[in-house]
Amino acid sequence: MQLYAIIRRDGWTGGPELEAAAARSTTVGDDEMSDDIRWIRSYVLSEEAGGLGTVCIYEASSPEKIREHADRADLPVTEIIPIADTVVVRSDPA
């Protein structure tokens, strides 16, 4: 599987809506598509318009499977970018 960054711009109005989306994503990914997609982590973005977006890191068998997962979980997808390499300078802050 390949690593991808998925950008989801202005997808949510607040925390509860984002939490519900995360639950749907987990259910679809773990229960229905575990051979094709694996959620690694997400960074929540404060969007200029006041909503929330995310940059999500996934392992997936293809960009098409990422879009299928997003459709099944009712998630926005602005852009899918293959990750060429990882450079860790410091661990993510807690």
N, C-alpha and C. Protein backbone atom coordinates (compact mmCIF):
# COMPACT_ATOMS: atom_id res chain seq x y z
N MET A 1 0.84 -1.18 0.00
CA MET A 1 0.00 0.00 0.00
C MET A 1 0.89 1.24 0.00
N GLN A 2 0.35 2.30 -0.55
CA GLN A 2 1.02 3.60 -0.69
C GLN A 2 0.49 4.55 0.38
N LEU A 3 1.35 5.43 0.86
CA LEU A 3 0.91 6.49 1.78
C LEU A 3 0.40 7.68 0.99
N TYR A 4 -0.71 8.28 1.47
CA TYR A 4 -1.32 9.44 0.83
C TYR A 4 -1.68 10.49 1.88
N ALA A 5 -1.62 11.75 1.46
CA ALA A 5 -2.19 12.85 2.24
C ALA A 5 -3.50 13.22 1.56
N ILE A 6 -4.57 13.30 2.34
CA ILE A 6 -5.87 13.69 1.82
C ILE A 6 -6.23 15.04 2.45
N ILE A 7 -6.43 16.03 1.62
CA ILE A 7 -6.82 17.35 2.11
C ILE A 7 -8.33 17.45 2.01
N ARG A 8 -8.94 17.84 3.12
CA ARG A 8 -10.39 18.00 3.20
C ARG A 8 -10.65 19.43 3.69
N ARG A 9 -10.96 20.34 2.77
CA ARG A 9 -11.14 21.75 3.10
C ARG A 9 -12.58 22.05 3.52
N ASP A 10 -12.70 22.85 4.59
CA ASP A 10 -14.02 23.35 5.04
C ASP A 10 -15.08 22.26 5.12
N GLY A 11 -14.71 21.10 5.64
CA GLY A 11 -15.64 19.97 5.67
C GLY A 11 -16.63 20.00 6.82
N TRP A 12 -16.29 20.72 7.91
CA TRP A 12 -17.11 20.62 9.11
C TRP A 12 -17.26 21.98 9.79
N THR A 13 -18.36 22.15 10.49
CA THR A 13 -18.60 23.41 11.19
C THR A 13 -18.06 23.40 12.61
N GLY A 14 -17.86 22.23 13.18
CA GLY A 14 -17.36 22.16 14.55
C GLY A 14 -16.97 20.77 14.97
N GLY A 15 -16.53 20.66 16.23
CA GLY A 15 -16.02 19.41 16.78
C GLY A 15 -16.98 18.23 16.73
N PRO A 16 -18.24 18.41 17.17
CA PRO A 16 -19.16 17.26 17.15
C PRO A 16 -19.37 16.68 15.74
N GLU A 17 -19.46 17.55 14.76
CA GLU A 17 -19.63 17.10 13.37
C GLU A 17 -18.37 16.34 12.90
N LEU A 18 -17.21 16.84 13.28
CA LEU A 18 -15.95 16.18 12.92
C LEU A 18 -15.82 14.83 13.63
N GLU A 19 -16.24 14.76 14.89
CA GLU A 19 -16.19 13.49 15.62
C GLU A 19 -17.09 12.44 14.96
N ALA A 20 -18.27 12.85 14.52
CA ALA A 20 -19.17 11.92 13.84
C ALA A 20 -18.55 11.43 12.53
N ALA A 21 -17.89 12.33 11.80
CA ALA A 21 -17.22 11.94 10.55
C ALA A 21 -16.09 10.95 10.84
N ALA A 22 -15.35 11.18 11.91
CA ALA A 22 -14.26 10.27 12.28
C ALA A 22 -14.80 8.88 12.61
N ALA A 23 -15.93 8.83 13.28
CA ALA A 23 -16.54 7.53 13.61
C ALA A 23 -16.96 6.80 12.34
N ARG A 24 -17.57 7.53 11.40
CA ARG A 24 -17.97 6.90 10.12
C ARG A 24 -16.75 6.40 9.37
N SER A 25 -15.69 7.22 9.34
CA SER A 25 -14.47 6.86 8.64
C SER A 25 -13.87 5.57 9.21
N THR A 26 -13.82 5.50 10.53
CA THR A 26 -13.27 4.31 11.19
C THR A 26 -14.08 3.08 10.88
N THR A 27 -15.40 3.19 10.97
CA THR A 27 -16.27 2.04 10.70
C THR A 27 -16.09 1.54 9.27
N VAL A 28 -16.14 2.44 8.30
CA VAL A 28 -16.01 2.03 6.90
C VAL A 28 -14.62 1.46 6.65
N GLY A 29 -13.59 2.14 7.13
CA GLY A 29 -12.23 1.69 6.89
C GLY A 29 -11.90 0.36 7.55
N ASP A 30 -12.27 0.22 8.82
CA ASP A 30 -11.92 -0.99 9.57
C ASP A 30 -12.83 -2.17 9.27
N ASP A 31 -14.13 -1.90 9.09
CA ASP A 31 -15.09 -2.99 8.95
C ASP A 31 -15.40 -3.38 7.50
N GLU A 32 -15.30 -2.41 6.58
CA GLU A 32 -15.73 -2.69 5.21
C GLU A 32 -14.59 -2.69 4.18
N MET A 33 -13.49 -1.98 4.48
CA MET A 33 -12.44 -1.81 3.46
C MET A 33 -11.03 -2.04 4.01
N SER A 34 -10.90 -2.88 5.01
CA SER A 34 -9.61 -3.03 5.69
C SER A 34 -8.49 -3.55 4.79
N ASP A 35 -8.83 -4.20 3.69
CA ASP A 35 -7.79 -4.67 2.77
C ASP A 35 -7.27 -3.56 1.86
N ASP A 36 -8.00 -2.44 1.78
CA ASP A 36 -7.66 -1.38 0.83
C ASP A 36 -7.29 -0.04 1.45
N ILE A 37 -7.59 0.17 2.72
CA ILE A 37 -7.36 1.50 3.29
C ILE A 37 -7.12 1.41 4.79
N ARG A 38 -6.22 2.27 5.27
CA ARG A 38 -5.91 2.31 6.70
C ARG A 38 -5.64 3.76 7.10
N TRP A 39 -6.42 4.28 8.03
CA TRP A 39 -6.26 5.65 8.53
C TRP A 39 -5.10 5.67 9.51
N ILE A 40 -4.12 6.55 9.26
CA ILE A 40 -2.95 6.66 10.12
C ILE A 40 -3.11 7.78 11.13
N ARG A 41 -3.37 9.01 10.65
CA ARG A 41 -3.57 10.16 11.54
C ARG A 41 -4.18 11.30 10.75
N SER A 42 -4.66 12.30 11.49
CA SER A 42 -5.21 13.51 10.87
C SER A 42 -4.78 14.73 11.66
N TYR A 43 -4.64 15.82 10.95
CA TYR A 43 -4.40 17.13 11.55
C TYR A 43 -5.61 17.98 11.23
N VAL A 44 -6.22 18.57 12.25
CA VAL A 44 -7.41 19.41 12.08
C VAL A 44 -6.97 20.83 11.79
N LEU A 45 -7.56 21.42 10.76
CA LEU A 45 -7.20 22.76 10.30
C LEU A 45 -8.27 23.77 10.69
N SER A 46 -7.86 24.93 11.16
CA SER A 46 -8.78 26.05 11.37
C SER A 46 -8.85 26.80 10.05
N GLU A 47 -9.99 26.70 9.38
CA GLU A 47 -10.15 27.32 8.07
C GLU A 47 -10.48 28.81 8.20
N GLU A 48 -10.11 29.58 7.20
CA GLU A 48 -10.34 31.04 7.21
C GLU A 48 -11.82 31.38 7.35
N ALA A 49 -12.70 30.58 6.78
CA ALA A 49 -14.14 30.85 6.83
C ALA A 49 -14.75 30.50 8.19
N GLY A 50 -13.94 29.93 9.10
CA GLY A 50 -14.43 29.61 10.43
C GLY A 50 -14.72 28.15 10.69
N GLY A 51 -14.74 27.35 9.66
CA GLY A 51 -14.99 25.92 9.82
C GLY A 51 -13.72 25.15 10.08
N LEU A 52 -13.84 23.85 9.98
CA LEU A 52 -12.71 22.95 10.19
C LEU A 52 -12.44 22.16 8.92
N GLY A 53 -11.18 21.94 8.64
CA GLY A 53 -10.74 21.05 7.57
C GLY A 53 -9.77 20.05 8.18
N THR A 54 -9.27 19.15 7.37
CA THR A 54 -8.27 18.21 7.86
C THR A 54 -7.24 17.91 6.77
N VAL A 55 -6.07 17.51 7.23
CA VAL A 55 -5.08 16.84 6.39
C VAL A 55 -4.95 15.46 7.02
N CYS A 56 -5.35 14.44 6.27
CA CYS A 56 -5.36 13.07 6.77
C CYS A 56 -4.28 12.25 6.08
N ILE A 57 -3.63 11.42 6.85
CA ILE A 57 -2.63 10.50 6.32
C ILE A 57 -3.23 9.10 6.33
N TYR A 58 -3.25 8.50 5.15
CA TYR A 58 -3.81 7.16 4.98
C TYR A 58 -2.82 6.28 4.22
N GLU A 59 -2.87 4.99 4.48
CA GLU A 59 -2.30 4.00 3.59
C GLU A 59 -3.46 3.49 2.75
N ALA A 60 -3.26 3.36 1.46
CA ALA A 60 -4.34 2.87 0.60
C ALA A 60 -3.77 2.15 -0.61
N SER A 61 -4.58 1.28 -1.18
CA SER A 61 -4.16 0.55 -2.37
C SER A 61 -4.23 1.41 -3.62
N SER A 62 -5.03 2.50 -3.58
CA SER A 62 -5.13 3.40 -4.74
C SER A 62 -5.89 4.66 -4.36
N PRO A 63 -5.73 5.73 -5.14
CA PRO A 63 -6.56 6.93 -4.92
C PRO A 63 -8.06 6.63 -5.11
N GLU A 64 -8.38 5.71 -5.99
CA GLU A 64 -9.78 5.35 -6.21
C GLU A 64 -10.40 4.76 -4.94
N LYS A 65 -9.63 3.96 -4.20
CA LYS A 65 -10.14 3.38 -2.95
C LYS A 65 -10.30 4.46 -1.89
N ILE A 66 -9.44 5.48 -1.92
CA ILE A 66 -9.62 6.61 -0.99
C ILE A 66 -10.94 7.32 -1.29
N ARG A 67 -11.22 7.55 -2.56
CA ARG A 67 -12.48 8.21 -2.94
C ARG A 67 -13.69 7.33 -2.60
N GLU A 68 -13.57 6.03 -2.81
CA GLU A 68 -14.66 5.11 -2.45
C GLU A 68 -14.92 5.16 -0.95
N HIS A 69 -13.85 5.13 -0.16
CA HIS A 69 -13.97 5.22 1.30
C HIS A 69 -14.66 6.53 1.68
N ALA A 70 -14.24 7.63 1.08
CA ALA A 70 -14.83 8.93 1.38
C ALA A 70 -16.32 8.95 1.02
N ASP A 71 -16.67 8.38 -0.12
CA ASP A 71 -18.08 8.33 -0.53
C ASP A 71 -18.91 7.52 0.47
N ARG A 72 -18.39 6.36 0.85
CA ARG A 72 -19.12 5.49 1.78
C ARG A 72 -19.27 6.14 3.16
N ALA A 73 -18.24 6.89 3.59
CA ALA A 73 -18.25 7.51 4.92
C ALA A 73 -18.80 8.93 4.89
N ASP A 74 -19.21 9.41 3.72
CA ASP A 74 -19.74 10.77 3.55
C ASP A 74 -18.72 11.82 4.01
N LEU A 75 -17.50 11.72 3.45
CA LEU A 75 -16.42 12.65 3.76
C LEU A 75 -16.04 13.45 2.52
N PRO A 76 -15.69 14.71 2.68
CA PRO A 76 -15.22 15.49 1.54
C PRO A 76 -13.79 15.08 1.16
N VAL A 77 -13.44 15.26 -0.09
CA VAL A 77 -12.06 15.08 -0.56
C VAL A 77 -11.75 16.25 -1.49
N THR A 78 -10.82 17.10 -1.07
CA THR A 78 -10.40 18.22 -1.90
C THR A 78 -9.25 17.80 -2.81
N GLU A 79 -8.30 17.06 -2.23
CA GLU A 79 -7.12 16.65 -2.99
C GLU A 79 -6.51 15.41 -2.36
N ILE A 80 -5.97 14.53 -3.20
CA ILE A 80 -5.24 13.33 -2.77
C ILE A 80 -3.83 13.45 -3.31
N ILE A 81 -2.84 13.36 -2.42
CA ILE A 81 -1.45 13.54 -2.82
C ILE A 81 -0.64 12.32 -2.36
N PRO A 82 0.01 11.60 -3.27
CA PRO A 82 0.88 10.50 -2.85
C PRO A 82 2.07 11.05 -2.04
N ILE A 83 2.43 10.36 -0.99
CA ILE A 83 3.57 10.76 -0.17
C ILE A 83 4.80 10.00 -0.65
N ALA A 84 5.84 10.74 -1.02
CA ALA A 84 7.05 10.12 -1.56
C ALA A 84 7.96 9.60 -0.46
N ASP A 85 8.00 10.28 0.69
CA ASP A 85 8.92 9.89 1.76
C ASP A 85 8.49 10.57 3.04
N THR A 86 9.02 10.15 4.16
CA THR A 86 8.73 10.75 5.45
C THR A 86 10.04 11.16 6.11
N VAL A 87 10.07 12.39 6.59
CA VAL A 87 11.22 12.90 7.34
C VAL A 87 10.67 13.31 8.70
N VAL A 88 11.09 12.64 9.76
CA VAL A 88 10.64 12.96 11.11
C VAL A 88 11.77 13.70 11.81
N VAL A 89 11.55 14.96 12.09
CA VAL A 89 12.53 15.76 12.81
C VAL A 89 12.25 15.66 14.31
N ARG A 90 10.99 15.75 14.68
CA ARG A 90 10.54 15.59 16.06
C ARG A 90 9.22 14.84 16.04
N SER A 91 8.91 14.18 17.12
CA SER A 91 7.60 13.55 17.26
C SER A 91 6.53 14.63 17.32
N ASP A 92 5.31 14.28 16.93
CA ASP A 92 4.20 15.22 17.04
C ASP A 92 4.06 15.65 18.50
N PRO A 93 3.82 16.94 18.76
CA PRO A 93 3.60 17.37 20.13
C PRO A 93 2.29 16.80 20.67
N ALA A 94 2.24 16.59 21.94
CA ALA A 94 1.04 16.02 22.58
C ALA A 94 -0.04 17.07 22.71
